[in-house]
Amino acid sequence: MKTLVIIDVQNDFIPGGSLAVPGGDEIVSVINSFQKDFELIIATQDWHPNNHSSFAINHKEKNEFETITWNGQTQVLWPVHCVQNTLGADFHPELET
């Protein structure tokens, strides 16, 4: 079965989002154009609670993109992004899902 997996095409990852990828919105029309070629389409979402341990805001005196050791592992501290039930966590509005 031909399967397409669409990973994290969400508002917070497109220009204007809190963790934007430059040109991230440009892939949406490409994804939409070839979905018809697949029998099964799976779309994933990055999905965090407000108090997620990877958010810099949840670590006193730490800044976005700094690293810390968390549970014995190096962890990048990210901007708040893709919080459950927010617009930023929603799929890009033009993505056909």
PDB file of N, CA and C in Angstrom:
ATOM      1  N   MET A   1       0.847  -1.165   0.000  1.00  0.00           N
ATOM      2  CA  MET A   1       0.000   0.000   0.000  1.00  0.00           C
ATOM      3  C   MET A   1       0.902   1.242   0.000  1.00  0.00           C
ATOM      4  N   LYS A   2       0.670   2.129  -0.953  1.00  0.00           N
ATOM      5  CA  LYS A   2       1.432   3.379  -1.007  1.00  0.00           C
ATOM      6  C   LYS A   2       0.921   4.315   0.080  1.00  0.00           C
ATOM      7  N   THR A   3       1.831   4.679   0.991  1.00  0.00           N
ATOM      8  CA  THR A   3       1.458   5.503   2.133  1.00  0.00           C
ATOM      9  C   THR A   3       2.285   6.781   2.146  1.00  0.00           C
ATOM     10  N   LEU A   4       1.608   7.877   2.399  1.00  0.00           N
ATOM     11  CA  LEU A   4       2.258   9.176   2.549  1.00  0.00           C
ATOM     12  C   LEU A   4       2.124   9.583   4.009  1.00  0.00           C
ATOM     13  N   VAL A   5       3.253   9.937   4.636  1.00  0.00           N
ATOM     14  CA  VAL A   5       3.229  10.426   6.002  1.00  0.00           C
ATOM     15  C   VAL A   5       3.604  11.908   5.958  1.00  0.00           C
ATOM     16  N   ILE A   6       2.683  12.739   6.394  1.00  0.00           N
ATOM     17  CA  ILE A   6       2.882  14.193   6.438  1.00  0.00           C
ATOM     18  C   ILE A   6       3.201  14.536   7.892  1.00  0.00           C
ATOM     19  N   ILE A   7       4.377  15.120   8.100  1.00  0.00           N
ATOM     20  CA  ILE A   7       4.843  15.338   9.470  1.00  0.00           C
ATOM     21  C   ILE A   7       4.824  16.818   9.842  1.00  0.00           C
ATOM     22  N   ASP A   8       4.008  17.156  10.818  1.00  0.00           N
ATOM     23  CA  ASP A   8       4.033  18.445  11.510  1.00  0.00           C
ATOM     24  C   ASP A   8       3.916  19.674  10.607  1.00  0.00           C
ATOM     25  N   VAL A   9       3.008  19.655   9.667  1.00  0.00           N
ATOM     26  CA  VAL A   9       2.768  20.841   8.821  1.00  0.00           C
ATOM     27  C   VAL A   9       1.747  21.711   9.567  1.00  0.00           C
ATOM     28  N   GLN A  10       2.253  22.422  10.569  1.00  0.00           N
ATOM     29  CA  GLN A  10       1.414  23.152  11.503  1.00  0.00           C
ATOM     30  C   GLN A  10       1.739  24.640  11.500  1.00  0.00           C
ATOM     31  N   ASN A  11       0.786  25.412  11.960  1.00  0.00           N
ATOM     32  CA  ASN A  11       0.909  26.870  11.934  1.00  0.00           C
ATOM     33  C   ASN A  11       2.144  27.397  12.656  1.00  0.00           C
ATOM     34  N   ASP A  12       2.543  26.800  13.760  1.00  0.00           N
ATOM     35  CA  ASP A  12       3.714  27.300  14.476  1.00  0.00           C
ATOM     36  C   ASP A  12       5.023  27.059  13.728  1.00  0.00           C
ATOM     37  N   PHE A  13       5.008  26.198  12.709  1.00  0.00           N
ATOM     38  CA  PHE A  13       6.219  25.910  11.944  1.00  0.00           C
ATOM     39  C   PHE A  13       6.282  26.635  10.608  1.00  0.00           C
ATOM     40  N   ILE A  14       5.306  27.474  10.326  1.00  0.00           N
ATOM     41  CA  ILE A  14       5.314  28.234   9.071  1.00  0.00           C
ATOM     42  C   ILE A  14       5.650  29.692   9.379  1.00  0.00           C
ATOM     43  N   PRO A  15       6.060  30.474   8.372  1.00  0.00           N
ATOM     44  CA  PRO A  15       6.373  31.879   8.633  1.00  0.00           C
ATOM     45  C   PRO A  15       5.257  32.561   9.426  1.00  0.00           C
ATOM     46  N   GLY A  16       5.666  33.263  10.476  1.00  0.00           N
ATOM     47  CA  GLY A  16       4.728  33.905  11.386  1.00  0.00           C
ATOM     48  C   GLY A  16       4.457  33.074  12.628  1.00  0.00           C
ATOM     49  N   GLY A  17       4.820  31.795  12.602  1.00  0.00           N
ATOM     50  CA  GLY A  17       4.623  30.924  13.759  1.00  0.00           C
ATOM     51  C   GLY A  17       5.732  31.089  14.777  1.00  0.00           C
ATOM     52  N   SER A  18       5.535  30.554  15.949  1.00  0.00           N
ATOM     53  CA  SER A  18       6.496  30.735  17.036  1.00  0.00           C
ATOM     54  C   SER A  18       7.810  29.981  16.844  1.00  0.00           C
ATOM     55  N   LEU A  19       7.828  28.976  15.996  1.00  0.00           N
ATOM     56  CA  LEU A  19       9.046  28.219  15.698  1.00  0.00           C
ATOM     57  C   LEU A  19       9.110  28.006  14.180  1.00  0.00           C
ATOM     58  N   ALA A  20       9.004  29.116  13.469  1.00  0.00           N
ATOM     59  CA  ALA A  20       8.852  29.090  12.011  1.00  0.00           C
ATOM     60  C   ALA A  20      10.085  28.540  11.289  1.00  0.00           C
ATOM     61  N   VAL A  21       9.809  27.768  10.265  1.00  0.00           N
ATOM     62  CA  VAL A  21      10.829  27.297   9.336  1.00  0.00           C
ATOM     63  C   VAL A  21      10.732  28.206   8.109  1.00  0.00           C
ATOM     64  N   PRO A  22      11.822  28.909   7.755  1.00  0.00           N
ATOM     65  CA  PRO A  22      11.739  29.788   6.582  1.00  0.00           C
ATOM     66  C   PRO A  22      11.241  29.024   5.352  1.00  0.00           C
ATOM     67  N   GLY A  23      10.219  29.550   4.701  1.00  0.00           N
ATOM     68  CA  GLY A  23       9.645  28.905   3.526  1.00  0.00           C
ATOM     69  C   GLY A  23       8.833  27.661   3.836  1.00  0.00           C
ATOM     70  N   GLY A  24       8.565  27.410   5.110  1.00  0.00           N
ATOM     71  CA  GLY A  24       7.839  26.200   5.506  1.00  0.00           C
ATOM     72  C   GLY A  24       6.475  26.054   4.877  1.00  0.00           C
ATOM     73  N   ASP A  25       5.857  27.160   4.533  1.00  0.00           N
ATOM     74  CA  ASP A  25       4.537  27.107   3.912  1.00  0.00           C
ATOM     75  C   ASP A  25       4.593  26.710   2.442  1.00  0.00           C
ATOM     76  N   GLU A  26       5.768  26.791   1.837  1.00  0.00           N
ATOM     77  CA  GLU A  26       5.904  26.489   0.412  1.00  0.00           C
ATOM     78  C   GLU A  26       5.685  25.013   0.089  1.00  0.00           C
ATOM     79  N   ILE A  27       5.823  24.149   1.062  1.00  0.00           N
ATOM     80  CA  ILE A  27       5.667  22.713   0.831  1.00  0.00           C
ATOM     81  C   ILE A  27       4.203  22.286   0.754  1.00  0.00           C
ATOM     82  N   VAL A  28       3.307  23.124   1.272  1.00  0.00           N
ATOM     83  CA  VAL A  28       1.895  22.737   1.366  1.00  0.00           C
ATOM     84  C   VAL A  28       1.296  22.423  -0.001  1.00  0.00           C
ATOM     85  N   SER A  29       1.507  23.272  -0.988  1.00  0.00           N
ATOM     86  CA  SER A  29       0.930  23.014  -2.317  1.00  0.00           C
ATOM     87  C   SER A  29       1.543  21.759  -2.948  1.00  0.00           C
ATOM     88  N   VAL A  30       2.810  21.495  -2.656  1.00  0.00           N
ATOM     89  CA  VAL A  30       3.460  20.280  -3.180  1.00  0.00           C
ATOM     90  C   VAL A  30       2.820  19.046  -2.560  1.00  0.00           C
ATOM     91  N   ILE A  31       2.648  19.062  -1.254  1.00  0.00           N
ATOM     92  CA  ILE A  31       2.005  17.930  -0.560  1.00  0.00           C
ATOM     93  C   ILE A  31       0.599  17.708  -1.106  1.00  0.00           C
ATOM     94  N   ASN A  32      -0.157  18.787  -1.233  1.00  0.00           N
ATOM     95  CA  ASN A  32      -1.529  18.660  -1.746  1.00  0.00           C
ATOM     96  C   ASN A  32      -1.556  18.093  -3.152  1.00  0.00           C
ATOM     97  N   SER A  33      -0.593  18.462  -3.972  1.00  0.00           N
ATOM     98  CA  SER A  33      -0.606  18.049  -5.375  1.00  0.00           C
ATOM     99  C   SER A  33      -0.383  16.554  -5.568  1.00  0.00           C
ATOM    100  N   PHE A  34       0.328  15.906  -4.664  1.00  0.00           N
ATOM    101  CA  PHE A  34       0.546  14.478  -4.884  1.00  0.00           C
ATOM    102  C   PHE A  34      -0.150  13.558  -3.900  1.00  0.00           C
ATOM    103  N   GLN A  35      -1.031  14.075  -3.073  1.00  0.00           N
ATOM    104  CA  GLN A  35      -1.782  13.201  -2.164  1.00  0.00           C
ATOM    105  C   GLN A  35      -2.636  12.184  -2.928  1.00  0.00           C
ATOM    106  N   LYS A  36      -3.119  12.567  -4.083  1.00  0.00           N
ATOM    107  CA  LYS A  36      -3.978  11.665  -4.874  1.00  0.00           C
ATOM    108  C   LYS A  36      -3.250  10.387  -5.303  1.00  0.00           C
ATOM    109  N   ASP A  37      -1.925  10.402  -5.254  1.00  0.00           N
ATOM    110  CA  ASP A  37      -1.123   9.253  -5.674  1.00  0.00           C
ATOM    111  C   ASP A  37      -0.943   8.209  -4.577  1.00  0.00           C
ATOM    112  N   PHE A  38      -1.526   8.441  -3.415  1.00  0.00           N
ATOM    113  CA  PHE A  38      -1.335   7.539  -2.282  1.00  0.00           C
ATOM    114  C   PHE A  38      -2.663   6.959  -1.814  1.00  0.00           C
ATOM    115  N   GLU A  39      -2.601   5.707  -1.372  1.00  0.00           N
ATOM    116  CA  GLU A  39      -3.789   5.026  -0.889  1.00  0.00           C
ATOM    117  C   GLU A  39      -4.100   5.381   0.562  1.00  0.00           C
ATOM    118  N   LEU A  40      -3.061   5.614   1.326  1.00  0.00           N
ATOM    119  CA  LEU A  40      -3.210   5.931   2.742  1.00  0.00           C
ATOM    120  C   LEU A  40      -2.387   7.175   3.042  1.00  0.00           C
ATOM    121  N   ILE A  41      -3.005   8.128   3.732  1.00  0.00           N
ATOM    122  CA  ILE A  41      -2.314   9.359   4.116  1.00  0.00           C
ATOM    123  C   ILE A  41      -2.424   9.502   5.628  1.00  0.00           C
ATOM    124  N   ILE A  42      -1.268   9.680   6.250  1.00  0.00           N
ATOM    125  CA  ILE A  42      -1.204   9.870   7.696  1.00  0.00           C
ATOM    126  C   ILE A  42      -0.573  11.229   7.936  1.00  0.00           C
ATOM    127  N   ALA A  43      -1.207  12.061   8.750  1.00  0.00           N
ATOM    128  CA  ALA A  43      -0.665  13.372   9.088  1.00  0.00           C
ATOM    129  C   ALA A  43      -0.434  13.422  10.595  1.00  0.00           C
ATOM    130  N   THR A  44       0.788  13.781  10.985  1.00  0.00           N
ATOM    131  CA  THR A  44       1.120  13.873  12.403  1.00  0.00           C
ATOM    132  C   THR A  44       1.118  15.329  12.856  1.00  0.00           C
ATOM    133  N   GLN A  45       0.953  15.516  14.160  1.00  0.00           N
ATOM    134  CA  GLN A  45       1.009  16.850  14.755  1.00  0.00           C
ATOM    135  C   GLN A  45       1.924  16.833  15.965  1.00  0.00           C
ATOM    136  N   ASP A  46       2.814  17.841  16.035  1.00  0.00           N
ATOM    137  CA  ASP A  46       3.542  18.119  17.256  1.00  0.00           C
ATOM    138  C   ASP A  46       2.488  18.647  18.224  1.00  0.00           C
ATOM    139  N   TRP A  47       2.486  18.206  19.470  1.00  0.00           N
ATOM    140  CA  TRP A  47       1.342  18.482  20.351  1.00  0.00           C
ATOM    141  C   TRP A  47       1.838  18.483  21.792  1.00  0.00           C
ATOM    142  N   HIS A  48       1.917  19.665  22.420  1.00  0.00           N
ATOM    143  CA  HIS A  48       2.502  19.786  23.755  1.00  0.00           C
ATOM    144  C   HIS A  48       1.538  20.441  24.751  1.00  0.00           C
ATOM    145  N   PRO A  49       1.696  20.113  26.046  1.00  0.00           N
ATOM    146  CA  PRO A  49       0.998  20.876  27.082  1.00  0.00           C
ATOM    147  C   PRO A  49       1.762  22.189  27.322  1.00  0.00           C
ATOM    148  N   ASN A  50       1.102  23.163  27.942  1.00  0.00           N
ATOM    149  CA  ASN A  50       1.745  24.454  28.245  1.00  0.00           C
ATOM    150  C   ASN A  50       3.024  24.313  29.059  1.00  0.00           C
ATOM    151  N   ASN A  51       3.049  23.353  29.945  1.00  0.00           N
ATOM    152  CA  ASN A  51       4.180  23.214  30.856  1.00  0.00           C
ATOM    153  C   ASN A  51       5.239  22.230  30.355  1.00  0.00           C
ATOM    154  N   HIS A  52       5.327  22.034  29.059  1.00  0.00           N
ATOM    155  CA  HIS A  52       6.264  21.055  28.504  1.00  0.00           C
ATOM    156  C   HIS A  52       7.694  21.370  28.921  1.00  0.00           C
ATOM    157  N   SER A  53       8.438  20.346  29.274  1.00  0.00           N
ATOM    158  CA  SER A  53       9.797  20.523  29.794  1.00  0.00           C
ATOM    159  C   SER A  53      10.782  21.065  28.761  1.00  0.00           C
ATOM    160  N   SER A  54      10.450  21.013  27.477  1.00  0.00           N
ATOM    161  CA  SER A  54      11.373  21.518  26.465  1.00  0.00           C
ATOM    162  C   SER A  54      11.187  23.004  26.168  1.00  0.00           C
ATOM    163  N   PHE A  55      10.195  23.646  26.784  1.00  0.00           N
ATOM    164  CA  PHE A  55       9.964  25.069  26.551  1.00  0.00           C
ATOM    165  C   PHE A  55      10.863  25.901  27.469  1.00  0.00           C
ATOM    166  N   ALA A  56      11.597  26.816  26.891  1.00  0.00           N
ATOM    167  CA  ALA A  56      12.510  27.670  27.666  1.00  0.00           C
ATOM    168  C   ALA A  56      11.775  28.415  28.767  1.00  0.00           C
ATOM    169  N   ILE A  57      10.567  28.857  28.492  1.00  0.00           N
ATOM    170  CA  ILE A  57       9.797  29.637  29.467  1.00  0.00           C
ATOM    171  C   ILE A  57       9.563  28.875  30.772  1.00  0.00           C
ATOM    172  N   ASN A  58       9.659  27.557  30.726  1.00  0.00           N
ATOM    173  CA  ASN A  58       9.423  26.742  31.908  1.00  0.00           C
ATOM    174  C   ASN A  58      10.698  26.453  32.702  1.00  0.00           C
ATOM    175  N   HIS A  59      11.793  27.145  32.356  1.00  0.00           N
ATOM    176  CA  HIS A  59      13.069  26.995  33.059  1.00  0.00           C
ATOM    177  C   HIS A  59      13.572  28.378  33.452  1.00  0.00           C
ATOM    178  N   LYS A  60      13.566  28.646  34.734  1.00  0.00           N
ATOM    179  CA  LYS A  60      13.948  29.959  35.253  1.00  0.00           C
ATOM    180  C   LYS A  60      15.343  30.365  34.750  1.00  0.00           C
ATOM    181  N   GLU A  61      15.417  31.593  34.264  1.00  0.00           N
ATOM    182  CA  GLU A  61      16.664  32.206  33.808  1.00  0.00           C
ATOM    183  C   GLU A  61      17.299  31.487  32.612  1.00  0.00           C
ATOM    184  N   LYS A  62      16.494  30.796  31.833  1.00  0.00           N
ATOM    185  CA  LYS A  62      16.978  30.152  30.611  1.00  0.00           C
ATOM    186  C   LYS A  62      16.327  30.818  29.413  1.00  0.00           C
ATOM    187  N   ASN A  63      17.014  30.771  28.278  1.00  0.00           N
ATOM    188  CA  ASN A  63      16.527  31.396  27.050  1.00  0.00           C
ATOM    189  C   ASN A  63      16.266  30.353  25.977  1.00  0.00           C
ATOM    190  N   GLU A  64      15.451  30.738  25.024  1.00  0.00           N
ATOM    191  CA  GLU A  64      15.174  29.872  23.878  1.00  0.00           C
ATOM    192  C   GLU A  64      16.476  29.498  23.184  1.00  0.00           C
ATOM    193  N   PHE A  65      16.574  28.253  22.797  1.00  0.00           N
ATOM    194  CA  PHE A  65      17.684  27.655  22.059  1.00  0.00           C
ATOM    195  C   PHE A  65      18.919  27.370  22.915  1.00  0.00           C
ATOM    196  N   GLU A  66      18.887  27.683  24.207  1.00  0.00           N
ATOM    197  CA  GLU A  66      19.937  27.212  25.110  1.00  0.00           C
ATOM    198  C   GLU A  66      19.744  25.710  25.286  1.00  0.00           C
ATOM    199  N   THR A  67      20.758  25.045  25.778  1.00  0.00           N
ATOM    200  CA  THR A  67      20.617  23.626  26.087  1.00  0.00           C
ATOM    201  C   THR A  67      20.794  23.414  27.583  1.00  0.00           C
ATOM    202  N   ILE A  68      20.149  22.377  28.060  1.00  0.00           N
ATOM    203  CA  ILE A  68      20.267  21.947  29.448  1.00  0.00           C
ATOM    204  C   ILE A  68      20.430  20.438  29.441  1.00  0.00           C
ATOM    205  N   THR A  69      20.777  19.891  30.580  1.00  0.00           N
ATOM    206  CA  THR A  69      20.747  18.439  30.750  1.00  0.00           C
ATOM    207  C   THR A  69      19.439  18.108  31.451  1.00  0.00           C
ATOM    208  N   TRP A  70      18.645  17.246  30.817  1.00  0.00           N
ATOM    209  CA  TRP A  70      17.327  16.878  31.329  1.00  0.00           C
ATOM    210  C   TRP A  70      17.235  15.361  31.315  1.00  0.00           C
ATOM    211  N   ASN A  71      17.072  14.777  32.475  1.00  0.00           N
ATOM    212  CA  ASN A  71      17.019  13.311  32.594  1.00  0.00           C
ATOM    213  C   ASN A  71      18.226  12.651  31.932  1.00  0.00           C
ATOM    214  N   GLY A  72      19.403  13.266  32.117  1.00  0.00           N
ATOM    215  CA  GLY A  72      20.636  12.691  31.600  1.00  0.00           C
ATOM    216  C   GLY A  72      20.893  12.924  30.124  1.00  0.00           C
ATOM    217  N   GLN A  73      20.029  13.682  29.467  1.00  0.00           N
ATOM    218  CA  GLN A  73      20.154  13.942  28.027  1.00  0.00           C
ATOM    219  C   GLN A  73      20.262  15.448  27.776  1.00  0.00           C
ATOM    220  N   THR A  74      20.931  15.812  26.693  1.00  0.00           N
ATOM    221  CA  THR A  74      20.970  17.208  26.294  1.00  0.00           C
ATOM    222  C   THR A  74      19.629  17.585  25.687  1.00  0.00           C
ATOM    223  N   GLN A  75      19.068  18.685  26.153  1.00  0.00           N
ATOM    224  CA  GLN A  75      17.761  19.150  25.687  1.00  0.00           C
ATOM    225  C   GLN A  75      17.887  20.589  25.227  1.00  0.00           C
ATOM    226  N   VAL A  76      17.476  20.855  23.976  1.00  0.00           N
ATOM    227  CA  VAL A  76      17.356  22.223  23.493  1.00  0.00           C
ATOM    228  C   VAL A  76      16.097  22.806  24.099  1.00  0.00           C
ATOM    229  N   LEU A  77      16.169  24.062  24.527  1.00  0.00           N
ATOM    230  CA  LEU A  77      14.990  24.742  25.064  1.00  0.00           C
ATOM    231  C   LEU A  77      14.346  25.546  23.948  1.00  0.00           C
ATOM    232  N   TRP A  78      13.137  25.183  23.614  1.00  0.00           N
ATOM    233  CA  TRP A  78      12.428  25.742  22.466  1.00  0.00           C
ATOM    234  C   TRP A  78      11.491  26.869  22.873  1.00  0.00           C
ATOM    235  N   PRO A  79      11.124  27.705  21.901  1.00  0.00           N
ATOM    236  CA  PRO A  79      10.017  28.629  22.145  1.00  0.00           C
ATOM    237  C   PRO A  79       8.742  27.799  22.362  1.00  0.00           C
ATOM    238  N   VAL A  80       7.784  28.381  23.040  1.00  0.00           N
ATOM    239  CA  VAL A  80       6.486  27.708  23.197  1.00  0.00           C
ATOM    240  C   VAL A  80       5.907  27.509  21.801  1.00  0.00           C
ATOM    241  N   HIS A  81       5.538  26.274  21.480  1.00  0.00           N
ATOM    242  CA  HIS A  81       4.999  25.974  20.155  1.00  0.00           C
ATOM    243  C   HIS A  81       4.074  24.764  20.222  1.00  0.00           C
ATOM    244  N   CYS A  82       3.128  24.748  19.317  1.00  0.00           N
ATOM    245  CA  CYS A  82       2.220  23.607  19.140  1.00  0.00           C
ATOM    246  C   CYS A  82       1.584  23.144  20.456  1.00  0.00           C
ATOM    247  N   VAL A  83       1.105  24.113  21.205  1.00  0.00           N
ATOM    248  CA  VAL A  83       0.423  23.801  22.460  1.00  0.00           C
ATOM    249  C   VAL A  83      -0.968  23.257  22.131  1.00  0.00           C
ATOM    250  N   GLN A  84      -1.335  22.216  22.827  1.00  0.00           N
ATOM    251  CA  GLN A  84      -2.618  21.553  22.602  1.00  0.00           C
ATOM    252  C   GLN A  84      -3.759  22.548  22.528  1.00  0.00           C
ATOM    253  N   ASN A  85      -4.621  22.345  21.540  1.00  0.00           N
ATOM    254  CA  ASN A  85      -5.843  23.130  21.362  1.00  0.00           C
ATOM    255  C   ASN A  85      -5.599  24.614  21.086  1.00  0.00           C
ATOM    256  N   THR A  86      -4.478  24.935  20.440  1.00  0.00           N
ATOM    257  CA  THR A  86      -4.220  26.314  20.038  1.00  0.00           C
ATOM    258  C   THR A  86      -4.113  26.390  18.519  1.00  0.00           C
ATOM    259  N   LEU A  87      -4.233  27.584  17.983  1.00  0.00           N
ATOM    260  CA  LEU A  87      -4.101  27.798  16.549  1.00  0.00           C
ATOM    261  C   LEU A  87      -2.733  27.348  16.047  1.00  0.00           C
ATOM    262  N   GLY A  88      -1.705  27.564  16.847  1.00  0.00           N
ATOM    263  CA  GLY A  88      -0.355  27.165  16.441  1.00  0.00           C
ATOM    264  C   GLY A  88      -0.203  25.668  16.241  1.00  0.00           C
ATOM    265  N   ALA A  89      -0.977  24.874  16.952  1.00  0.00           N
ATOM    266  CA  ALA A  89      -0.915  23.416  16.823  1.00  0.00           C
ATOM    267  C   ALA A  89      -1.749  22.889  15.660  1.00  0.00           C
ATOM    268  N   ASP A  90      -2.629  23.725  15.128  1.00  0.00           N
ATOM    269  CA  ASP A  90      -3.478  23.296  14.009  1.00  0.00           C
ATOM    270  C   ASP A  90      -2.646  23.096  12.739  1.00  0.00           C
ATOM    271  N   PHE A  91      -3.146  22.241  11.864  1.00  0.00           N
ATOM    272  CA  PHE A  91      -2.527  22.090  10.562  1.00  0.00           C
ATOM    273  C   PHE A  91      -2.597  23.400   9.787  1.00  0.00           C
ATOM    274  N   HIS A  92      -1.625  23.607   8.903  1.00  0.00           N
ATOM    275  CA  HIS A  92      -1.648  24.774   8.020  1.00  0.00           C
ATOM    276  C   HIS A  92      -3.029  24.809   7.353  1.00  0.00           C
ATOM    277  N   PRO A  93      -3.656  25.976   7.291  1.00  0.00           N
ATOM    278  CA  PRO A  93      -5.039  26.042   6.803  1.00  0.00           C
ATOM    279  C   PRO A  93      -5.243  25.578   5.356  1.00  0.00           C
ATOM    280  N   GLU A  94      -4.198  25.584   4.559  1.00  0.00           N
ATOM    281  CA  GLU A  94      -4.342  25.136   3.168  1.00  0.00           C
ATOM    282  C   GLU A  94      -3.971  23.678   2.948  1.00  0.00           C
ATOM    283  N   LEU A  95      -3.510  23.001   4.008  1.00  0.00           N
ATOM    284  CA  LEU A  95      -3.177  21.588   3.884  1.00  0.00           C
ATOM    285  C   LEU A  95      -4.451  20.779   3.788  1.00  0.00           C
ATOM    286  N   GLU A  96      -4.547  19.961   2.764  1.00  0.00           N
ATOM    287  CA  GLU A  96      -5.710  19.101   2.583  1.00  0.00           C
ATOM    288  C   GLU A  96      -5.495  17.834   3.407  1.00  0.00           C
ATOM    289  N   THR A  97      -6.247  17.732   4.506  1.00  0.00           N
ATOM    290  CA  THR A  97      -6.096  16.547   5.373  1.00  0.00           C
ATOM    291  C   THR A  97      -7.406  15.787   5.430  1.00  0.00           C
TER     292      THR A  97
END
